[in-house]
Structure formats: structure tokens, C-alpha cells
Amino acid sequence: MALADQQMATSTGTANFRQGNPNYVLYKSAAATPTAFHDTPSGSTIAMPCSTGSFNCTTTVTGHTYGVLSGYATGTGYDLATGLGSVDANALVTNWSTVTFKASATTMIAPTPTSITHGQQVSTTITVAAVAPATGTPTGDVSLLTSSGQSIGRFTLAGGSATAATSAIPGGTQTLIAHYEGDANFGGSDSAASPSVTVTSEGSKTSVALQTFSFAGNQLSGNATTAVYGSPYLLRVNVTNAAGTICAPIPVGQSGCPTGAVSLSDNSNPLDGGNFVLNTLGYTEDQLIELTGGTHNLQAQYAGDVSFNASASSDSVTITPAAVTFGAFQSEPTSATVGELTTLTATVQAISFGAEPSGTITFLSDGTPLTPEGTGFSGMSGSSNGTALLNATTSVRFPTSGTHVITTSYSGDSNYSSATSTSSFTVVVTGTGSDFVLSAPTTVSTTRGTQTSLVLNIFGDANYTGSVTFSPTSCSGLPAEMTCSFNPATITGTGPTTIFLTSTAPHVRKILQAKASHSSVGGF
């Protein structure tokens, strides 16, 4: 049709040549210019493929996996939609003007009233008649168009005339044209432009609604005041007339749809870029919205257009924390040895499209916090698969043997709830006949002339109550001129003691210190 429009605009010198309903021309062209259409060859098929052996499946070659559904072979006149077959576009548009119809004339009385507020109704009468020497009464539809070419109503002729009433004239000053699209006998025609109609803008109403859905995609609420963090929801903004009437894209008897853009904000901050363009139904959606936990004041500001005044609205919604669950508790090795370093790992997860959980994961043994000697956290948002994760890995030492209850605790954050999980864990003592073990750093760095301390831990089994006494001779293999001491010197049961390592300063330093002291005394 674009090619036909171009051809007729060129041949008639009319920049905006209206074709009306092209079906009448197409079917007459099939008779007047048969070379413009090519019928689908008889015996071909447009059938869907099917698996061999399935119902109505015809397979012409033995052994083939697929065939075609039977009963859809083509014949003469078998063409989709129009029944005209494929089109030779050049032949069609070149001969488009050879199809002739009886001439018609369209007239329209002056519409009333000529000064209105947008949304008010304007009425007129449209008449279509045969132009002599043609006879008969035109049938079909007529349209009301603005001077800018916008359709504001479609009406069916009865006895060659139609009463047209519309409230869809856009704001500003407009003239109207009645356009007859033609029928099988009469060609289309346009009326003269009407006197000007002045339309002032009307009030508008903006409404904001948070629409929530299940993870299966079913709507839970069309205007929710609360939602769970990371759950599926979108923000919809409707702009209507002041009465709240939802518009139609091609209105008949009601006002047109608001156009333009809406700016969105969350607690006075721009939301997701801020500006959203209204669609042809007068609404817009923020489908990527992801609100953090807490209360949000969502605000929408409509800027207005030539037909509707500006308006604004707000909606308060609360986002509650998403529930989390713990994955399996893990350790390396699977059962620990008293005093030796053991790695514990835990994972919290939530059904959420939101960010990864923050906060902390801690480990307790029989209700007592374990002292970490290195902790790492890693996480993953739920944006890709709907599951958000937080992993924690920590290294600890168990002071006593036996079966311990490990409590894993997640602190939660503004988006995710707190949670705890418990599991049993076995700690053993290594060696034959041993009921306690010592744990201390394997290497220590110190500077000559200084004192360095380090902690030595005594770990025992659950029933160990013995005492361990330390003395300076408990240290062996120390560098020259280094001594050690312990505080406390005796440990009963399990617990720590601090080792103090003291070394003498280099002799050159002692000499210099002595000289400095002597010089100071002599000067006095």
C-alpha cells in the first residue's frame, strides 16, 4: 500500500492522497489486471511438518522421520487471507488508477459547539451522495479527521448520511474534515474543512499503583501497599481525565488519551532514570523497579499536553525483608581435631530477584562464639535466576573434644530477615594416651633488645581437668641471649597462657648507651 500511495501521489500531484479501503481496488484489479496476481500452484502444500506415525501425518518417503499434515494441499483459488495469491507489485501500482468507481461527494455541516473544553462533545452531520451522472446511494463508513490528519471518530452511513459526535478533538484550534473511504461501487471523497473549533485543555488525574505478582507470574494485587523484597512487582502509572475514565486508543464518543511523559521519584529522588513516556492507552510502567527494604513514598508527576493539564500523585508502600534459609553446614575436615585449625562454611539463600544479602554469618559452639582466625564472605544477587546467596567461610579451633552443637547465625539486613540453623559436630583428640594438646604459632619474629609475646592454648577432651606448669626451662632451642617466661605459669584444665620472649640488645648498643650515661653524669 505504501507503493500505491506513492504512485497515486505522483500521478495526481497530491501529497497526502487517501486511498480509503483498498480492498475494493484490489478485487477489481484482479479482474482488470490479472497479471498482477499469481495464484498458488495446485498440488503444493503449506502444511505444518509432523512426526511420522502421528495422526493425519503423511510421509511420502519410507524411513523419513517427518512428514506433513494431510488435507492441506492447494488448489485453484486456494490463497491465504485475500484469495488473490502473490502480487506483482509493479503491475499492481502501475495499473492502480485504471480501476474506476462512481464519483462521490462528501459534505459536512458546521460542527457545534465551536469552543469547548477538551472532553466535551462536538456534533455534526455528514452526507455522502453520488455525483451525476452516477446514481445510487453510497454505503460504508466515514471518518472525522482533524486538520493534522488525526482520526477522531468513525461512523457508518445510513441512507447516505451519518450523525457524528465526538469528544476526541485534541486541544488547540482545529478544523475538521469528513473522509468517505468508498465502497464496491463508489470511490472515496473528502469534505471541505469545517470552521475552526477551539479546544482548551481539561484537568487530568494521575494515579500510582504497585502491582505485585507471584513467582509463577500470577497477579496478587493491582494496588499493593506492601511487598516482599526481591519479589516480582512493577509500578504502573495511569493518567486519565479528571473523572478517572480510562481512555481508548481510537475513541468514539469519549476523550482522547493523555500523551507525553511522567516523572517518577522515590522519597524525592529520581526513580530508575526519572522519565517514562505514556503509551497510546495513557499509562506507563516501571517494570525494572527494585525497591530496598523500608517505607517508600513513590511520586508521579505528569507534565500535561495540549489536551490535559498537569497532575501529580503519590503512593506509600512498604518493602518487607525477604525470608532466608540456610544451606547445609560444611566443615573441612568433616570431623575436627582439638586445637587444630578447622574450616567451617555456611550459606544463606533467599528466593529473590534482588541484591545479594549483606550482614554477617557467625558460628557458635554449644552457645559460645567461636573465635575466627580468618573469615571470608562471598555473595550472588538473584537478578539472573531468582535466588540470592551469601556464603561465609571461617577458620576456628575447637578447645574441647566431644559432640558439639554448632549454631550458625545470620544477622540479616534491611532487605533480608535474620535466621539461625543448628547442626552436630564431632571433635576428637589425637594421639595415644593424650588428654590435652598444645596449640601455638609455628614461627615468631622478634627484634634483639625487645620483648615479644604470643599466646599458647591448651585444648583437652571434655573430661580433662589436669594442670600444666611452665617454667623458663620449658623453652628450648631459643637463640642465644634470649629467655622466656609464662603468665600464668600454671593452667588447670584448658585455656591460654602468654609466652614472653626477651632478648638482650647487641653489645655495641650497650657500649653506646653506657657512654651516653657516663657523659651525662660527668657534665652534671
Protein backbone atom coordinates (compact mmCIF):
# COMPACT_ATOMS: atom_id res chain seq x y z
CA MET A 1 0.00 0.00 0.00
CA ALA A 2 2.91 2.35 0.54
CA LEU A 3 3.86 1.86 -3.11
CA ALA A 4 0.27 2.52 -4.19
CA ASP A 5 0.14 5.68 -2.09
CA GLN A 6 3.40 6.86 -3.64
CA GLN A 7 2.20 6.10 -7.18
CA MET A 8 -1.11 7.93 -6.73
CA ALA A 9 0.52 10.91 -5.03
CA THR A 10 2.88 11.22 -8.00
CA SER A 11 0.19 10.81 -10.67
CA THR A 12 -2.32 13.16 -9.01
CA GLY A 13 0.13 15.68 -7.58
CA THR A 14 -1.48 15.25 -4.16
CA ALA A 15 0.99 14.94 -1.31
CA ASN A 16 -1.48 13.27 1.08
CA PHE A 17 -3.54 11.02 -1.19
CA ARG A 18 -6.04 8.99 0.87
CA GLN A 19 -6.79 5.54 -0.53
CA GLY A 20 -9.75 4.71 1.67
CA ASN A 21 -10.49 0.99 1.92
CA PRO A 22 -8.09 -0.63 -0.62
CA ASN A 23 -9.95 -3.95 -0.73
CA TYR A 24 -12.37 -2.60 -3.34
CA VAL A 25 -9.48 -1.65 -5.64
CA LEU A 26 -7.66 -4.93 -5.08
CA TYR A 27 -10.58 -7.13 -6.09
CA LYS A 28 -11.39 -5.02 -9.13
CA SER A 29 -7.69 -5.08 -10.08
CA ALA A 30 -7.77 -8.87 -10.04
CA ALA A 31 -10.31 -8.75 -12.85
CA ALA A 32 -8.90 -5.73 -14.73
CA THR A 33 -5.20 -6.63 -14.40
CA PRO A 34 -4.98 -10.41 -13.89
CA THR A 35 -1.19 -10.39 -14.47
CA ALA A 36 -0.78 -8.51 -11.19
CA PHE A 37 -1.73 -11.61 -9.17
CA HIS A 38 -0.34 -15.14 -9.19
CA ASP A 39 -2.44 -17.99 -7.86
CA THR A 40 -0.86 -20.58 -5.57
CA PRO A 41 0.06 -23.60 -7.73
CA SER A 42 -2.29 -26.57 -7.44
CA GLY A 43 -0.86 -29.54 -5.58
CA SER A 44 1.65 -27.62 -3.45
CA THR A 45 1.36 -27.56 0.32
CA ILE A 46 1.66 -25.09 3.14
CA ALA A 47 1.05 -27.74 5.79
CA MET A 48 2.88 -27.98 9.08
CA PRO A 49 5.52 -30.73 9.49
CA CYS A 50 4.64 -33.69 11.70
CA SER A 51 6.27 -36.79 13.16
CA THR A 52 5.88 -39.94 11.11
CA GLY A 53 3.14 -42.12 12.57
CA SER A 54 1.24 -39.27 14.23
CA PHE A 55 -2.42 -38.53 13.41
CA ASN A 56 -3.02 -37.23 9.83
CA CYS A 57 0.73 -37.27 9.12
CA THR A 58 1.66 -38.22 5.56
CA THR A 59 5.24 -39.38 4.92
CA THR A 60 5.98 -39.91 1.21
CA VAL A 61 9.46 -41.41 1.66
CA THR A 62 9.75 -44.61 3.66
CA GLY A 63 12.07 -44.25 6.64
CA HIS A 64 11.80 -40.48 6.95
CA THR A 65 11.24 -39.20 10.47
CA TYR A 66 8.98 -36.33 9.45
CA GLY A 67 6.09 -35.80 7.05
CA VAL A 68 3.36 -33.17 6.57
CA LEU A 69 -0.20 -32.96 7.83
CA SER A 70 -2.64 -34.21 5.18
CA GLY A 71 -5.70 -32.31 3.94
CA TYR A 72 -3.93 -29.01 3.21
CA ALA A 73 -2.85 -29.48 -0.41
CA THR A 74 -3.57 -26.37 -2.51
CA GLY A 75 -5.88 -26.00 -5.48
CA THR A 76 -7.16 -23.27 -7.76
CA GLY A 77 -8.27 -20.24 -5.76
CA TYR A 78 -6.57 -21.52 -2.59
CA ASP A 79 -4.77 -18.43 -1.20
CA LEU A 80 -4.38 -17.15 2.29
CA ALA A 81 -6.31 -14.09 3.53
CA THR A 82 -7.34 -12.31 0.29
CA GLY A 83 -7.68 -15.26 -2.09
CA LEU A 84 -5.72 -13.21 -4.65
CA GLY A 85 -2.38 -15.01 -4.38
CA SER A 86 1.03 -13.37 -4.55
CA VAL A 87 1.32 -9.87 -6.02
CA ASP A 88 3.36 -8.36 -8.85
CA ALA A 89 3.81 -5.02 -7.10
CA ASN A 90 4.93 -3.09 -10.20
CA ALA A 91 1.96 -4.27 -12.28
CA LEU A 92 -0.41 -3.55 -9.41
CA VAL A 93 0.62 0.06 -8.68
CA THR A 94 1.13 0.95 -12.35
CA ASN A 95 -2.45 -0.04 -13.11
CA TRP A 96 -3.91 1.13 -9.80
CA SER A 97 -5.58 4.17 -11.35
CA THR A 98 -7.21 2.09 -14.11
CA VAL A 99 -9.72 0.81 -11.58
CA THR A 100 -12.62 3.24 -11.64
CA PHE A 101 -15.56 3.85 -9.34
CA LYS A 102 -18.60 6.06 -9.39
CA ALA A 103 -17.78 9.54 -8.14
CA SER A 104 -18.97 10.56 -4.68
CA ALA A 105 -19.24 13.90 -2.92
CA THR A 106 -18.91 14.30 0.86
CA THR A 107 -20.33 17.28 2.72
CA MET A 108 -20.39 18.17 6.40
CA ILE A 109 -22.39 20.79 8.24
CA ALA A 110 -20.53 23.10 10.60
CA PRO A 111 -19.81 21.26 13.88
CA THR A 112 -21.26 22.65 17.11
CA PRO A 113 -20.24 23.99 19.50
CA THR A 114 -17.05 25.61 18.18
CA SER A 115 -15.48 26.45 21.57
CA ILE A 116 -15.19 23.65 24.11
CA THR A 117 -13.07 22.20 26.88
CA HIS A 118 -11.28 19.03 25.90
CA GLY A 119 -13.52 16.04 26.53
CA GLN A 120 -16.72 17.84 25.66
CA GLN A 121 -18.69 16.57 22.68
CA VAL A 122 -18.93 18.17 19.26
CA SER A 123 -21.64 17.06 16.78
CA THR A 124 -22.06 17.32 13.02
CA THR A 125 -23.92 15.61 10.18
CA ILE A 126 -22.03 14.03 7.27
CA THR A 127 -23.65 13.30 3.92
CA VAL A 128 -22.21 11.30 1.00
CA ALA A 129 -24.01 11.40 -2.36
CA ALA A 130 -23.44 10.20 -5.90
CA VAL A 131 -22.08 12.76 -8.35
CA ALA A 132 -24.12 12.97 -11.56
CA PRO A 133 -24.36 11.23 -13.89
CA ALA A 134 -23.76 8.49 -11.31
CA THR A 135 -26.76 7.21 -9.43
CA GLY A 136 -27.26 5.21 -6.27
CA THR A 137 -26.54 5.70 -2.60
CA PRO A 138 -23.03 5.30 -1.20
CA THR A 139 -22.59 2.89 1.71
CA GLY A 140 -19.82 2.10 4.18
CA ASP A 141 -18.04 4.26 6.74
CA VAL A 142 -16.95 7.87 7.08
CA SER A 143 -14.25 9.21 9.38
CA LEU A 144 -13.77 12.54 11.10
CA LEU A 145 -10.22 13.84 10.78
CA THR A 146 -8.53 16.86 12.31
CA SER A 147 -6.57 19.30 10.17
CA SER A 148 -3.42 17.50 11.35
CA GLY A 149 -4.76 14.18 9.99
CA GLN A 150 -5.68 12.60 13.34
CA SER A 151 -8.71 10.31 13.33
CA ILE A 152 -11.24 11.33 15.98
CA GLY A 153 -14.16 9.04 15.10
CA ARG A 154 -15.54 6.50 12.60
CA PHE A 155 -19.23 6.36 11.71
CA THR A 156 -21.41 4.14 9.46
CA LEU A 157 -23.60 5.68 6.75
CA ALA A 158 -27.33 5.05 6.77
CA GLY A 159 -29.14 6.22 3.65
CA GLY A 160 -26.06 8.18 2.65
CA SER A 161 -25.67 10.17 5.86
CA ALA A 162 -24.36 9.81 9.42
CA THR A 163 -24.66 11.83 12.59
CA ALA A 164 -21.15 12.15 14.02
CA ALA A 165 -20.49 13.07 17.65
CA THR A 166 -17.02 13.01 19.16
CA SER A 167 -15.22 14.24 22.28
CA ALA A 168 -11.79 13.26 20.97
CA ILE A 169 -10.78 16.57 19.35
CA PRO A 170 -7.30 17.36 20.70
CA GLY A 171 -6.51 20.64 22.42
CA GLY A 172 -5.78 23.77 20.42
CA THR A 173 -7.51 25.21 17.37
CA GLN A 174 -8.60 22.59 14.84
CA THR A 175 -10.56 22.31 11.62
CA LEU A 176 -12.35 19.06 10.80
CA ILE A 177 -12.64 17.06 7.57
CA ALA A 178 -15.07 14.24 6.82
CA HIS A 179 -13.47 11.43 4.81
CA TYR A 180 -15.51 8.79 2.94
CA GLU A 181 -13.48 5.64 2.26
CA GLY A 182 -15.62 4.30 -0.60
CA ASP A 183 -17.39 1.01 -1.21
CA ALA A 184 -17.60 -1.55 -4.01
CA ASN A 185 -19.30 0.99 -6.32
CA PHE A 186 -18.30 4.47 -5.14
CA GLY A 187 -14.87 5.95 -4.78
CA GLY A 188 -13.76 7.86 -1.70
CA SER A 189 -14.04 11.61 -1.21
CA ASP A 190 -13.35 14.35 1.34
CA SER A 191 -15.47 17.24 2.57
CA ALA A 192 -14.31 20.81 2.76
CA ALA A 193 -12.67 21.85 6.02
CA SER A 194 -15.06 22.98 8.76
CA PRO A 195 -14.92 26.28 10.62
CA SER A 196 -12.31 26.27 13.41
CA VAL A 197 -13.05 24.53 16.69
CA THR A 198 -11.16 25.82 19.74
CA VAL A 199 -10.42 23.24 22.45
CA THR A 200 -8.95 24.24 25.80
CA SER A 201 -7.20 21.63 27.94
CA GLU A 202 -9.08 19.74 30.66
CA GLY A 203 -7.97 18.50 34.04
CA SER A 204 -6.12 15.23 34.41
CA LYS A 205 -5.76 12.64 37.14
CA THR A 206 -2.55 10.72 37.82
CA SER A 207 -2.62 7.53 39.89
CA VAL A 208 0.24 5.32 41.07
CA ALA A 209 -0.16 1.61 41.85
CA LEU A 210 2.33 -1.07 42.85
CA GLN A 211 1.19 -4.29 41.18
CA THR A 212 2.52 -7.49 42.76
CA PHE A 213 2.83 -10.98 41.28
CA SER A 214 3.68 -14.48 42.41
CA PHE A 215 6.92 -16.06 41.23
CA ALA A 216 4.72 -18.09 38.85
CA GLY A 217 3.57 -14.84 37.19
CA ASN A 218 0.04 -14.62 38.65
CA GLN A 219 -1.07 -11.18 39.81
CA LEU A 220 -1.54 -10.94 43.57
CA SER A 221 -2.63 -7.31 43.85
CA GLY A 222 -3.33 -4.46 41.45
CA ASN A 223 -2.64 -1.81 44.09
CA ALA A 224 -0.49 -3.20 46.89
CA THR A 225 0.66 -1.24 49.92
CA THR A 226 3.35 -3.78 50.82
CA ALA A 227 5.60 -6.25 49.03
CA VAL A 228 8.44 -8.60 49.93
CA TYR A 229 11.92 -7.50 48.91
CA GLY A 230 13.07 -9.10 45.67
CA SER A 231 9.59 -10.41 44.77
CA PRO A 232 8.03 -9.74 41.34
CA TYR A 233 6.25 -6.40 41.09
CA LEU A 234 6.01 -3.36 38.84
CA LEU A 235 4.91 0.24 39.22
CA ARG A 236 2.04 1.36 36.99
CA VAL A 237 1.06 5.00 36.47
CA ASN A 238 -2.30 5.83 34.88
CA VAL A 239 -3.09 9.29 33.54
CA THR A 240 -6.79 9.86 32.86
CA ASN A 241 -9.25 12.71 32.70
CA ALA A 242 -10.25 14.34 35.97
CA ALA A 243 -13.08 11.82 36.42
CA GLY A 244 -10.62 8.90 36.22
CA THR A 245 -12.09 7.47 32.99
CA ILE A 246 -9.70 5.10 31.22
CA CYS A 247 -9.32 6.22 27.61
CA ALA A 248 -9.42 4.21 24.38
CA PRO A 249 -6.72 4.43 21.68
CA ILE A 250 -9.21 5.18 18.86
CA PRO A 251 -12.06 6.78 20.79
CA VAL A 252 -15.65 7.12 19.69
CA GLY A 253 -17.77 9.27 21.98
CA GLN A 254 -15.04 9.76 24.60
CA SER A 255 -11.98 11.92 25.05
CA GLY A 256 -8.59 11.00 23.64
CA CYS A 257 -5.69 9.66 25.67
CA PRO A 258 -3.18 11.85 27.51
CA THR A 259 0.23 11.98 25.86
CA GLY A 260 3.69 12.99 26.98
CA ALA A 261 5.78 11.79 29.90
CA VAL A 262 5.60 11.12 33.63
CA SER A 263 8.50 11.70 36.01
CA LEU A 264 8.88 9.20 38.87
CA SER A 265 10.66 9.66 42.17
CA ASP A 266 11.22 7.59 45.30
CA ASN A 267 11.44 9.55 48.55
CA SER A 268 12.07 12.67 46.37
CA ASN A 269 14.95 11.01 44.45
CA PRO A 270 14.61 10.18 40.70
CA LEU A 271 13.45 6.59 40.26
CA ASP A 272 15.02 4.44 37.53
CA GLY A 273 16.00 7.35 35.31
CA GLY A 274 13.03 9.50 36.27
CA ASN A 275 11.10 9.94 33.00
CA PHE A 276 8.64 7.45 31.48
CA VAL A 277 6.68 8.05 28.26
CA LEU A 278 2.94 7.31 28.23
CA ASN A 279 1.76 4.67 25.76
CA THR A 280 -1.27 5.05 23.46
CA LEU A 281 -3.58 3.99 26.31
CA GLY A 282 -2.36 6.79 28.56
CA TYR A 283 -0.33 4.76 31.05
CA THR A 284 3.27 3.74 31.65
CA GLU A 285 5.03 1.07 33.71
CA ASP A 286 8.34 0.85 35.52
CA GLN A 287 8.94 -2.85 35.06
CA LEU A 288 12.55 -2.79 36.33
CA ILE A 289 11.73 -1.24 39.71
CA GLU A 290 13.55 -2.83 42.69
CA LEU A 291 12.88 -1.08 45.99
CA THR A 292 15.03 -1.60 49.07
CA GLY A 293 13.58 -2.67 52.39
CA GLY A 294 11.66 0.03 54.25
CA THR A 295 8.99 2.64 53.50
CA HIS A 296 8.92 4.43 50.15
CA ASN A 297 6.94 7.47 49.07
CA LEU A 298 6.52 6.92 45.32
CA GLN A 299 5.65 10.10 43.43
CA ALA A 300 4.46 10.56 39.83
CA GLN A 301 4.31 13.96 38.10
CA TYR A 302 2.51 14.27 34.76
CA ALA A 303 3.70 17.27 32.74
CA GLY A 304 0.49 17.70 30.73
CA ASP A 305 -0.04 18.21 26.97
CA VAL A 306 -2.24 20.35 24.70
CA SER A 307 -5.35 18.45 25.82
CA PHE A 308 -4.71 17.70 29.52
CA ASN A 309 -3.41 19.80 32.38
CA ALA A 310 -0.56 18.63 34.60
CA SER A 311 -1.29 16.49 37.67
CA ALA A 312 0.57 14.53 40.32
CA SER A 313 0.05 11.65 42.70
CA SER A 314 1.94 9.69 45.35
CA ASP A 315 1.69 6.27 46.93
CA SER A 316 3.30 4.95 50.10
CA VAL A 317 4.48 1.35 50.02
CA THR A 318 6.46 -0.76 52.49
CA ILE A 319 9.01 -3.35 51.39
CA THR A 320 9.43 -6.08 53.99
CA PRO A 321 12.60 -8.21 54.33
CA ALA A 322 12.70 -11.46 52.38
CA ALA A 323 12.95 -14.70 54.36
CA VAL A 324 16.21 -16.64 54.14
CA THR A 325 17.09 -20.29 54.68
CA PHE A 326 20.38 -21.96 55.47
CA GLY A 327 22.03 -24.40 53.15
CA ALA A 328 23.91 -27.41 54.54
CA PHE A 329 26.59 -26.77 57.18
CA GLN A 330 30.02 -27.96 55.97
CA SER A 331 33.45 -28.37 57.52
CA GLU A 332 36.91 -29.30 56.33
CA PRO A 333 37.86 -31.82 57.62
CA THR A 334 34.43 -33.37 58.31
CA SER A 335 35.36 -34.01 61.97
CA ALA A 336 37.76 -31.71 63.77
CA THR A 337 40.74 -32.37 65.99
CA VAL A 338 41.08 -30.48 69.28
CA GLY A 339 43.29 -27.45 68.81
CA GLU A 340 43.78 -27.85 65.08
CA LEU A 341 42.51 -25.37 62.50
CA THR A 342 39.11 -26.32 61.06
CA THR A 343 37.29 -24.56 58.21
CA LEU A 344 33.52 -24.05 58.60
CA THR A 345 31.28 -22.99 55.70
CA ALA A 346 27.61 -21.93 55.66
CA THR A 347 25.29 -20.42 53.03
CA VAL A 348 22.11 -18.39 53.41
CA GLN A 349 19.79 -18.10 50.44
CA ALA A 350 16.53 -16.36 49.58
CA ILE A 351 14.00 -16.55 46.76
CA SER A 352 14.66 -13.06 45.47
CA PHE A 353 15.42 -11.12 42.31
CA GLY A 354 17.21 -8.53 44.45
CA ALA A 355 20.76 -7.80 45.54
CA GLU A 356 22.93 -10.28 47.42
CA PRO A 357 22.37 -10.39 51.20
CA SER A 358 24.74 -8.34 53.34
CA GLY A 359 25.30 -8.62 57.09
CA THR A 360 27.34 -11.35 58.77
CA ILE A 361 27.26 -15.08 59.43
CA THR A 362 28.69 -16.23 62.77
CA PHE A 363 29.36 -19.66 64.31
CA LEU A 364 28.78 -20.73 67.93
CA SER A 365 29.78 -24.00 69.61
CA ASP A 366 27.36 -25.03 72.35
CA GLY A 367 26.21 -21.39 72.56
CA THR A 368 29.74 -19.92 72.85
CA PRO A 369 31.06 -17.86 69.91
CA LEU A 370 33.99 -19.46 68.13
CA THR A 371 36.98 -17.17 67.67
CA PRO A 372 37.71 -16.85 63.93
CA GLU A 373 41.27 -16.91 62.65
CA GLY A 374 40.24 -15.76 59.20
CA THR A 375 36.78 -15.20 57.70
CA GLY A 376 35.68 -14.68 54.10
CA PHE A 377 32.32 -13.70 52.59
CA SER A 378 31.03 -14.02 49.04
CA GLY A 379 27.60 -13.50 47.58
CA MET A 380 25.42 -13.50 44.48
CA SER A 381 22.39 -11.44 43.55
CA GLY A 382 19.16 -13.07 42.39
CA SER A 383 18.82 -10.99 39.22
CA SER A 384 19.66 -13.89 36.92
CA ASN A 385 17.89 -16.88 38.48
CA GLY A 386 15.72 -15.59 41.33
CA THR A 387 17.96 -16.90 44.14
CA ALA A 388 20.20 -14.56 46.16
CA LEU A 389 23.08 -16.08 48.19
CA LEU A 390 25.59 -15.18 50.91
CA ASN A 391 28.43 -17.59 51.73
CA ALA A 392 30.66 -17.40 54.82
CA THR A 393 33.87 -19.38 55.40
CA THR A 394 35.79 -19.14 58.68
CA SER A 395 38.74 -20.95 60.30
CA VAL A 396 38.45 -21.85 64.00
CA ARG A 397 39.95 -24.14 66.67
CA PHE A 398 37.82 -26.24 69.00
CA PRO A 399 39.11 -26.24 72.62
CA THR A 400 37.46 -29.48 73.74
CA SER A 401 36.57 -32.84 72.25
CA GLY A 402 33.16 -34.45 72.00
CA THR A 403 29.97 -33.78 70.07
CA HIS A 404 29.17 -30.08 69.85
CA VAL A 405 26.05 -28.25 68.71
CA ILE A 406 27.09 -25.71 66.09
CA THR A 407 24.72 -22.76 65.74
CA THR A 408 25.08 -20.78 62.54
CA SER A 409 23.54 -17.32 62.78
CA TYR A 410 22.81 -14.78 60.01
CA SER A 411 22.41 -11.19 61.22
CA GLY A 412 20.05 -10.09 58.43
CA ASP A 413 19.94 -6.61 56.85
CA SER A 414 17.30 -4.15 55.64
CA ASN A 415 16.42 -6.45 52.72
CA TYR A 416 16.69 -9.91 54.28
CA SER A 417 15.48 -11.38 57.58
CA SER A 418 17.81 -12.87 60.21
CA ALA A 419 17.95 -16.65 60.64
CA THR A 420 19.70 -19.40 62.60
CA SER A 421 20.50 -23.03 61.96
CA THR A 422 21.92 -25.80 64.16
CA SER A 423 23.88 -28.97 63.46
CA SER A 424 26.00 -31.52 65.35
CA PHE A 425 29.78 -31.66 65.01
CA THR A 426 32.33 -34.10 66.44
CA VAL A 427 35.74 -33.02 67.81
CA VAL A 428 38.36 -35.66 68.72
CA VAL A 429 41.77 -35.71 70.46
CA THR A 430 44.68 -37.19 68.50
CA GLY A 431 47.50 -39.35 69.85
CA THR A 432 47.61 -42.38 72.18
CA GLY A 433 47.07 -41.72 75.90
CA SER A 434 46.96 -37.97 75.41
CA ASP A 435 44.25 -35.98 77.07
CA PHE A 436 45.38 -32.49 76.05
CA VAL A 437 47.21 -30.79 73.19
CA LEU A 438 49.11 -27.51 72.82
CA SER A 439 48.49 -25.01 70.05
CA ALA A 440 50.85 -22.15 69.25
CA PRO A 441 52.13 -20.26 66.20
CA THR A 442 54.81 -22.15 64.33
CA THR A 443 57.07 -19.10 63.78
CA VAL A 444 57.63 -15.84 65.66
CA SER A 445 59.55 -12.77 64.54
CA THR A 446 61.25 -10.50 67.10
CA THR A 447 63.96 -7.81 67.31
CA ARG A 448 67.01 -8.04 69.58
CA GLY A 449 66.65 -5.86 72.61
CA THR A 450 62.86 -6.10 72.70
CA GLN A 451 60.21 -8.31 74.27
CA THR A 452 57.70 -10.27 72.13
CA SER A 453 54.58 -12.09 73.33
CA LEU A 454 52.47 -14.84 71.85
CA VAL A 455 49.56 -16.95 73.03
CA LEU A 456 49.76 -20.70 73.61
CA ASN A 457 46.45 -22.56 74.00
CA ILE A 458 45.82 -25.80 75.87
CA PHE A 459 42.98 -27.87 74.44
CA GLY A 460 41.69 -31.02 76.07
CA ASP A 461 38.87 -33.51 75.87
CA ALA A 462 35.59 -32.92 77.66
CA ASN A 463 36.77 -34.54 80.94
CA TYR A 464 40.28 -33.10 81.12
CA THR A 465 40.93 -31.33 84.47
CA GLY A 466 44.70 -31.70 84.81
CA SER A 467 47.24 -28.92 85.34
CA VAL A 468 50.17 -27.91 83.15
CA THR A 469 53.03 -25.88 84.67
CA PHE A 470 55.50 -23.84 82.64
CA SER A 471 58.95 -22.53 83.63
CA PRO A 472 61.83 -20.82 81.81
CA THR A 473 63.26 -24.25 81.12
CA SER A 474 60.06 -25.13 79.20
CA CYS A 475 61.52 -23.23 76.26
CA SER A 476 64.24 -24.96 74.26
CA GLY A 477 66.11 -24.14 71.09
CA LEU A 478 65.93 -20.39 71.66
CA PRO A 479 68.53 -18.12 70.05
CA ALA A 480 71.50 -17.04 72.20
CA GLU A 481 70.84 -14.41 74.85
CA MET A 482 67.02 -14.97 74.68
CA THR A 483 64.88 -16.08 77.63
CA CYS A 484 61.22 -16.92 78.06
CA SER A 485 58.61 -16.59 80.80
CA PHE A 486 54.92 -17.57 81.14
CA ASN A 487 51.86 -15.80 82.52
CA PRO A 488 50.11 -17.61 84.07
CA ALA A 489 52.72 -20.24 84.74
CA THR A 490 50.10 -22.90 85.52
CA ILE A 491 46.96 -23.80 83.56
CA THR A 492 44.32 -26.05 85.12
CA GLY A 493 42.07 -27.64 82.54
CA THR A 494 42.01 -25.83 79.22
CA GLY A 495 42.87 -22.22 78.44
CA PRO A 496 45.58 -19.87 77.21
CA THR A 497 48.88 -18.68 78.61
CA THR A 498 51.05 -15.86 77.29
CA ILE A 499 54.70 -16.56 76.47
CA PHE A 500 57.06 -13.56 76.76
CA LEU A 501 60.30 -13.83 74.74
CA THR A 502 63.04 -11.41 75.86
CA SER A 503 66.37 -10.90 74.08
CA THR A 504 69.38 -8.76 75.04
CA ALA A 505 70.41 -5.81 72.89
CA PRO A 506 73.56 -6.02 70.70
CA HIS A 507 76.81 -5.33 72.69
CA VAL A 508 77.67 -2.26 70.57
CA ARG A 509 74.39 -0.72 71.58
CA LYS A 510 75.16 -1.40 75.27
CA ILE A 511 78.54 0.32 74.97
CA LEU A 512 76.98 3.38 73.33
CA GLN A 513 74.30 3.51 75.99
CA ALA A 514 76.94 3.30 78.72
CA LYS A 515 79.00 6.13 77.17
CA ALA A 516 75.96 8.31 76.86
CA SER A 517 75.15 7.69 80.53
CA HIS A 518 78.75 8.46 81.65
CA SER A 519 78.90 11.69 79.62
CA SER A 520 75.70 12.86 81.15
CA VAL A 521 76.94 12.21 84.71
CA GLY A 522 80.30 13.96 84.12
CA GLY A 523 78.67 17.05 82.70
CA PHE A 524 76.45 17.36 85.74
